[in-house]
């Protein structure tokens, strides 16, 4: 599993553009297929299907991530993560699989979002 994490990035999801993200993680997984049989004494593997996921948290200003979750049921959205200079660090098309708002008594309110990829990312290629 490879993670690319950063601070002060912007996240664009569908029509929602430019949220300054406090925490963001991009995870690309490579799943393995067990190719061993009943007579094998050791597991043998082959490279299987890959997937990716983006998770991010931002300070709460409105229910924008909850709105994205509600409005994109069964619809794919474009995702882009850019650094401070505007260079795209990650891009792809996926589904919003979680939108949440957290109103803690001990900390500032936050919103979080999870996007699960639909196929290979466009950046990095």
N, C-alpha and C. Protein backbone atom coordinates (compact mmCIF):
# COMPACT_ATOMS: atom_id res chain seq x y z
N UNK A 1 0.85 -1.17 0.00
CA UNK A 1 0.00 0.00 0.00
C UNK A 1 0.90 1.23 0.00
N UNK A 2 0.66 2.15 -0.92
CA UNK A 2 1.44 3.37 -1.02
C UNK A 2 0.57 4.55 -0.62
N UNK A 3 1.08 5.42 0.25
CA UNK A 3 0.33 6.59 0.69
C UNK A 3 1.06 7.86 0.28
N UNK A 4 0.32 8.84 -0.20
CA UNK A 4 0.85 10.15 -0.50
C UNK A 4 0.06 11.12 0.37
N UNK A 5 0.69 11.71 1.38
CA UNK A 5 0.00 12.58 2.31
C UNK A 5 0.59 13.98 2.24
N UNK A 6 -0.21 14.98 2.51
CA UNK A 6 0.30 16.34 2.45
C UNK A 6 -0.55 17.31 3.23
N UNK A 7 -0.08 18.52 3.37
CA UNK A 7 -0.80 19.56 4.10
C UNK A 7 -0.93 20.77 3.18
N UNK A 8 -1.97 21.53 3.32
CA UNK A 8 -2.27 22.70 2.51
C UNK A 8 -2.46 22.35 1.05
N UNK A 9 -3.16 21.28 0.80
CA UNK A 9 -3.56 20.92 -0.55
C UNK A 9 -5.00 21.36 -0.76
N UNK A 10 -5.41 21.44 -2.01
CA UNK A 10 -6.82 21.69 -2.29
C UNK A 10 -7.41 20.44 -2.92
N UNK A 11 -8.68 20.24 -2.67
CA UNK A 11 -9.39 19.07 -3.17
C UNK A 11 -10.57 19.54 -4.01
N UNK A 12 -10.67 19.02 -5.21
CA UNK A 12 -11.81 19.27 -6.08
C UNK A 12 -12.53 17.95 -6.27
N UNK A 13 -13.82 17.93 -5.94
CA UNK A 13 -14.65 16.74 -6.12
C UNK A 13 -15.89 17.16 -6.88
N UNK A 14 -16.03 16.69 -8.13
CA UNK A 14 -17.17 17.07 -8.93
C UNK A 14 -17.27 18.58 -9.05
N UNK A 15 -18.41 19.15 -8.67
CA UNK A 15 -18.62 20.59 -8.76
C UNK A 15 -18.07 21.35 -7.55
N UNK A 16 -17.64 20.63 -6.51
CA UNK A 16 -17.07 21.28 -5.33
C UNK A 16 -15.60 21.55 -5.60
N UNK A 17 -15.20 22.81 -5.58
CA UNK A 17 -13.86 23.17 -6.00
C UNK A 17 -13.11 23.89 -4.90
N UNK A 18 -11.90 23.43 -4.61
CA UNK A 18 -10.95 24.21 -3.85
C UNK A 18 -11.03 24.16 -2.34
N UNK A 19 -11.53 23.10 -1.76
CA UNK A 19 -11.52 23.02 -0.31
C UNK A 19 -10.09 22.89 0.18
N UNK A 20 -9.67 23.75 1.11
CA UNK A 20 -8.36 23.59 1.72
C UNK A 20 -8.47 22.47 2.74
N UNK A 21 -7.70 21.44 2.53
CA UNK A 21 -7.81 20.21 3.30
C UNK A 21 -6.79 20.23 4.43
N UNK A 22 -7.25 19.85 5.62
CA UNK A 22 -6.36 19.77 6.77
C UNK A 22 -5.55 18.47 6.73
N UNK A 23 -6.20 17.37 6.45
CA UNK A 23 -5.56 16.06 6.34
C UNK A 23 -6.08 15.40 5.08
N UNK A 24 -5.17 14.89 4.28
CA UNK A 24 -5.60 14.18 3.07
C UNK A 24 -4.68 12.99 2.86
N UNK A 25 -5.28 11.88 2.47
CA UNK A 25 -4.50 10.67 2.20
C UNK A 25 -5.01 10.04 0.91
N UNK A 26 -4.08 9.70 0.04
CA UNK A 26 -4.39 8.95 -1.16
C UNK A 26 -3.76 7.58 -0.97
N UNK A 27 -4.57 6.53 -1.11
CA UNK A 27 -4.07 5.17 -0.95
C UNK A 27 -4.34 4.39 -2.23
N UNK A 28 -3.28 3.79 -2.77
CA UNK A 28 -3.41 2.92 -3.93
C UNK A 28 -3.03 1.52 -3.46
N UNK A 29 -3.95 0.59 -3.58
CA UNK A 29 -3.74 -0.78 -3.14
C UNK A 29 -3.53 -1.71 -4.32
N UNK A 30 -2.66 -2.67 -4.14
CA UNK A 30 -2.47 -3.75 -5.11
C UNK A 30 -2.85 -5.05 -4.44
N UNK A 31 -3.96 -5.61 -4.83
CA UNK A 31 -4.43 -6.85 -4.21
C UNK A 31 -3.73 -8.05 -4.84
N UNK A 32 -3.43 -9.02 -4.01
CA UNK A 32 -2.73 -10.22 -4.47
C UNK A 32 -3.72 -11.38 -4.58
N UNK A 33 -3.45 -12.28 -5.54
CA UNK A 33 -4.27 -13.47 -5.75
C UNK A 33 -3.44 -14.68 -5.33
N UNK A 34 -3.98 -15.49 -4.43
CA UNK A 34 -3.30 -16.71 -4.02
C UNK A 34 -3.44 -17.74 -5.13
N UNK A 35 -2.31 -18.15 -5.70
CA UNK A 35 -2.33 -19.11 -6.80
C UNK A 35 -1.90 -20.51 -6.35
N UNK A 36 -1.74 -20.71 -5.04
CA UNK A 36 -1.37 -22.02 -4.52
C UNK A 36 -2.50 -23.02 -4.65
N UNK A 37 -2.16 -24.28 -4.56
CA UNK A 37 -3.19 -25.32 -4.59
C UNK A 37 -3.07 -26.19 -3.34
N UNK A 38 -3.86 -27.23 -3.25
CA UNK A 38 -3.89 -28.06 -2.05
C UNK A 38 -2.57 -28.78 -1.80
N UNK A 39 -1.75 -28.97 -2.81
CA UNK A 39 -0.48 -29.66 -2.62
C UNK A 39 0.67 -28.70 -2.33
N UNK A 40 0.44 -27.39 -2.42
CA UNK A 40 1.49 -26.40 -2.17
C UNK A 40 1.83 -26.37 -0.68
N UNK A 41 3.11 -26.20 -0.40
CA UNK A 41 3.53 -26.03 0.99
C UNK A 41 3.77 -24.56 1.32
N UNK A 42 3.87 -23.75 0.30
CA UNK A 42 4.03 -22.32 0.48
C UNK A 42 2.97 -21.59 -0.35
N UNK A 43 2.53 -20.45 0.16
CA UNK A 43 1.62 -19.62 -0.63
C UNK A 43 2.36 -19.06 -1.82
N UNK A 44 1.72 -19.05 -2.95
CA UNK A 44 2.25 -18.39 -4.14
C UNK A 44 1.22 -17.37 -4.59
N UNK A 45 1.72 -16.24 -5.07
CA UNK A 45 0.83 -15.13 -5.39
C UNK A 45 1.08 -14.60 -6.79
N UNK A 46 0.07 -14.00 -7.35
CA UNK A 46 0.15 -13.25 -8.59
C UNK A 46 -0.47 -11.87 -8.34
N UNK A 47 0.00 -10.88 -9.09
CA UNK A 47 -0.55 -9.53 -8.95
C UNK A 47 -2.00 -9.53 -9.39
N UNK A 48 -2.85 -8.95 -8.57
CA UNK A 48 -4.28 -8.92 -8.86
C UNK A 48 -4.75 -7.53 -9.23
N UNK A 49 -5.97 -7.24 -8.91
CA UNK A 49 -6.62 -5.97 -9.24
C UNK A 49 -6.17 -4.88 -8.25
N UNK A 50 -6.04 -3.66 -8.77
CA UNK A 50 -5.67 -2.50 -7.95
C UNK A 50 -6.91 -1.65 -7.67
N UNK A 51 -6.84 -0.86 -6.61
CA UNK A 51 -7.89 0.12 -6.33
C UNK A 51 -7.26 1.32 -5.63
N UNK A 52 -8.02 2.42 -5.55
CA UNK A 52 -7.52 3.60 -4.87
C UNK A 52 -8.64 4.26 -4.08
N UNK A 53 -8.23 5.08 -3.10
CA UNK A 53 -9.17 5.78 -2.24
C UNK A 53 -8.54 7.10 -1.80
N UNK A 54 -9.34 8.14 -1.74
CA UNK A 54 -8.92 9.45 -1.24
C UNK A 54 -9.77 9.76 -0.02
N UNK A 55 -9.13 10.14 1.09
CA UNK A 55 -9.85 10.61 2.27
C UNK A 55 -9.31 11.99 2.63
N UNK A 56 -10.19 12.88 3.06
CA UNK A 56 -9.78 14.22 3.44
C UNK A 56 -10.66 14.79 4.52
N UNK A 57 -10.08 15.71 5.30
CA UNK A 57 -10.79 16.40 6.38
C UNK A 57 -10.52 17.89 6.23
N UNK A 58 -11.57 18.69 6.41
CA UNK A 58 -11.42 20.14 6.37
C UNK A 58 -12.21 20.76 7.52
N UNK A 59 -11.91 22.01 7.81
CA UNK A 59 -12.68 22.74 8.82
C UNK A 59 -14.10 22.90 8.32
N UNK A 60 -15.06 22.80 9.21
CA UNK A 60 -16.47 22.90 8.84
C UNK A 60 -16.82 24.35 8.54
N UNK A 61 -17.39 24.60 7.36
CA UNK A 61 -17.93 25.91 7.01
C UNK A 61 -19.39 25.77 6.60
N UNK A 62 -19.71 24.66 5.97
CA UNK A 62 -21.08 24.32 5.59
C UNK A 62 -21.10 22.81 5.42
N UNK A 63 -22.24 22.28 5.09
CA UNK A 63 -22.35 20.82 4.94
C UNK A 63 -22.01 20.37 3.52
N UNK A 64 -20.95 20.94 2.95
CA UNK A 64 -20.63 20.67 1.54
C UNK A 64 -20.31 19.20 1.27
N UNK A 65 -19.58 18.53 2.15
CA UNK A 65 -19.26 17.12 1.91
C UNK A 65 -20.48 16.24 2.09
N UNK A 66 -21.36 16.59 3.03
CA UNK A 66 -22.62 15.84 3.17
C UNK A 66 -23.48 16.02 1.93
N UNK A 67 -23.50 17.24 1.40
CA UNK A 67 -24.27 17.52 0.19
C UNK A 67 -23.72 16.74 -0.99
N UNK A 68 -22.38 16.66 -1.11
CA UNK A 68 -21.78 15.88 -2.18
C UNK A 68 -22.17 14.41 -2.08
N UNK A 69 -22.16 13.87 -0.87
CA UNK A 69 -22.52 12.46 -0.68
C UNK A 69 -23.96 12.23 -1.10
N UNK A 70 -24.85 13.11 -0.68
CA UNK A 70 -26.26 12.97 -0.99
C UNK A 70 -26.54 13.15 -2.48
N UNK A 71 -25.84 14.10 -3.11
CA UNK A 71 -26.12 14.43 -4.50
C UNK A 71 -25.45 13.54 -5.52
N UNK A 72 -24.50 12.69 -5.08
CA UNK A 72 -23.77 11.90 -6.06
C UNK A 72 -24.03 10.40 -5.90
N UNK A 73 -25.17 10.04 -5.36
CA UNK A 73 -25.51 8.63 -5.21
C UNK A 73 -25.50 7.97 -6.58
N UNK A 74 -24.71 6.94 -6.74
CA UNK A 74 -24.53 6.15 -7.96
C UNK A 74 -24.00 6.95 -9.15
N UNK A 75 -23.48 8.14 -8.92
CA UNK A 75 -22.88 8.94 -10.00
C UNK A 75 -21.39 9.11 -9.70
N UNK A 76 -20.56 8.94 -10.70
CA UNK A 76 -19.13 9.12 -10.50
C UNK A 76 -18.79 10.61 -10.57
N UNK A 77 -17.69 10.98 -9.89
CA UNK A 77 -17.25 12.38 -9.85
C UNK A 77 -15.76 12.43 -10.15
N UNK A 78 -15.32 13.53 -10.74
CA UNK A 78 -13.89 13.75 -10.96
C UNK A 78 -13.27 14.23 -9.65
N UNK A 79 -12.04 13.79 -9.37
CA UNK A 79 -11.32 14.14 -8.15
C UNK A 79 -9.95 14.67 -8.54
N UNK A 80 -9.54 15.78 -7.93
CA UNK A 80 -8.19 16.30 -8.15
C UNK A 80 -7.64 16.85 -6.85
N UNK A 81 -6.39 16.51 -6.56
CA UNK A 81 -5.68 17.06 -5.41
C UNK A 81 -4.53 17.87 -5.96
N UNK A 82 -4.46 19.15 -5.55
CA UNK A 82 -3.41 20.03 -6.05
C UNK A 82 -2.63 20.61 -4.88
N UNK A 83 -1.32 20.84 -5.09
CA UNK A 83 -0.52 21.45 -4.05
C UNK A 83 -0.67 22.97 -4.10
N UNK A 84 0.09 23.68 -3.27
CA UNK A 84 -0.05 25.14 -3.17
C UNK A 84 0.26 25.86 -4.48
N UNK A 85 1.13 25.27 -5.31
CA UNK A 85 1.48 25.92 -6.57
C UNK A 85 0.51 25.58 -7.69
N UNK A 86 -0.48 24.72 -7.43
CA UNK A 86 -1.47 24.37 -8.43
C UNK A 86 -1.15 23.13 -9.23
N UNK A 87 -0.03 22.46 -8.92
CA UNK A 87 0.32 21.22 -9.62
C UNK A 87 -0.57 20.09 -9.13
N UNK A 88 -1.06 19.29 -10.05
CA UNK A 88 -1.92 18.16 -9.69
C UNK A 88 -1.07 17.02 -9.14
N UNK A 89 -1.34 16.63 -7.91
CA UNK A 89 -0.64 15.52 -7.27
C UNK A 89 -1.35 14.21 -7.54
N UNK A 90 -2.68 14.26 -7.62
CA UNK A 90 -3.48 13.06 -7.85
C UNK A 90 -4.76 13.45 -8.56
N UNK A 91 -5.20 12.60 -9.47
CA UNK A 91 -6.46 12.83 -10.16
C UNK A 91 -7.08 11.51 -10.58
N UNK A 92 -8.38 11.49 -10.66
CA UNK A 92 -9.08 10.29 -11.08
C UNK A 92 -10.58 10.51 -11.07
N UNK A 93 -11.30 9.45 -11.34
CA UNK A 93 -12.76 9.46 -11.30
C UNK A 93 -13.19 8.39 -10.31
N UNK A 94 -14.11 8.74 -9.42
CA UNK A 94 -14.55 7.78 -8.42
C UNK A 94 -15.93 8.07 -7.91
N UNK A 95 -16.29 7.38 -6.86
CA UNK A 95 -17.59 7.53 -6.21
C UNK A 95 -17.39 8.08 -4.80
N UNK A 96 -18.21 9.04 -4.39
CA UNK A 96 -18.20 9.50 -3.00
C UNK A 96 -18.86 8.40 -2.18
N UNK A 97 -18.07 7.78 -1.32
CA UNK A 97 -18.58 6.67 -0.52
C UNK A 97 -18.83 7.04 0.94
N UNK A 98 -18.40 8.25 1.33
CA UNK A 98 -18.67 8.71 2.70
C UNK A 98 -18.55 10.22 2.76
N UNK A 99 -19.51 10.85 3.39
CA UNK A 99 -19.46 12.27 3.70
C UNK A 99 -19.90 12.42 5.14
N UNK A 100 -19.11 13.12 5.97
CA UNK A 100 -19.44 13.20 7.39
C UNK A 100 -19.12 14.58 7.94
N UNK A 101 -19.88 14.99 8.95
CA UNK A 101 -19.61 16.21 9.71
C UNK A 101 -19.42 15.81 11.16
N UNK A 102 -18.41 16.40 11.81
CA UNK A 102 -18.10 16.08 13.20
C UNK A 102 -18.19 17.36 14.03
N UNK A 103 -19.09 17.36 14.99
CA UNK A 103 -19.28 18.52 15.87
C UNK A 103 -18.87 18.11 17.28
N UNK A 104 -17.59 18.24 17.58
CA UNK A 104 -17.03 17.82 18.86
C UNK A 104 -17.16 18.93 19.89
N UNK A 105 -17.34 18.54 21.15
CA UNK A 105 -17.36 19.53 22.23
C UNK A 105 -15.96 20.07 22.51
N UNK A 106 -14.94 19.25 22.27
CA UNK A 106 -13.58 19.62 22.66
C UNK A 106 -12.72 20.17 21.51
N UNK A 107 -13.24 20.18 20.30
CA UNK A 107 -12.43 20.63 19.16
C UNK A 107 -13.31 21.34 18.14
N UNK A 108 -12.68 21.97 17.18
CA UNK A 108 -13.41 22.66 16.12
C UNK A 108 -14.17 21.66 15.26
N UNK A 109 -15.28 22.09 14.71
CA UNK A 109 -16.09 21.23 13.83
C UNK A 109 -15.33 20.96 12.53
N UNK A 110 -15.47 19.73 12.03
CA UNK A 110 -14.79 19.33 10.80
C UNK A 110 -15.75 18.58 9.90
N UNK A 111 -15.37 18.48 8.65
CA UNK A 111 -16.07 17.63 7.68
C UNK A 111 -15.06 16.69 7.07
N UNK A 112 -15.49 15.47 6.75
CA UNK A 112 -14.60 14.53 6.09
C UNK A 112 -15.32 13.90 4.90
N UNK A 113 -14.50 13.41 3.96
CA UNK A 113 -15.04 12.80 2.75
C UNK A 113 -14.15 11.63 2.35
N UNK A 114 -14.76 10.63 1.75
CA UNK A 114 -14.03 9.49 1.19
C UNK A 114 -14.52 9.26 -0.22
N UNK A 115 -13.57 9.16 -1.15
CA UNK A 115 -13.88 8.86 -2.54
C UNK A 115 -13.17 7.57 -2.90
N UNK A 116 -13.90 6.60 -3.45
CA UNK A 116 -13.32 5.33 -3.88
C UNK A 116 -13.26 5.33 -5.41
N UNK A 117 -12.10 4.96 -5.93
CA UNK A 117 -11.84 5.07 -7.35
C UNK A 117 -12.68 4.16 -8.22
N UNK A 118 -12.90 4.63 -9.45
CA UNK A 118 -13.59 3.88 -10.49
C UNK A 118 -12.57 3.70 -11.61
N UNK A 119 -11.74 2.69 -11.51
CA UNK A 119 -10.69 2.48 -12.49
C UNK A 119 -9.39 3.15 -12.09
N UNK A 120 -8.43 3.14 -13.00
CA UNK A 120 -7.10 3.67 -12.73
C UNK A 120 -7.13 5.19 -12.56
N UNK A 121 -6.26 5.74 -11.70
CA UNK A 121 -6.17 7.19 -11.59
C UNK A 121 -5.59 7.77 -12.88
N UNK A 122 -5.91 9.04 -13.15
CA UNK A 122 -5.35 9.72 -14.32
C UNK A 122 -4.01 10.36 -14.00
N UNK A 123 -3.80 10.74 -12.74
CA UNK A 123 -2.53 11.28 -12.26
C UNK A 123 -2.27 10.66 -10.89
N UNK A 124 -1.14 10.02 -10.66
CA UNK A 124 -0.07 9.75 -11.61
C UNK A 124 -0.49 8.70 -12.63
N UNK A 125 0.09 8.80 -13.83
CA UNK A 125 -0.28 7.88 -14.91
C UNK A 125 0.49 6.58 -14.79
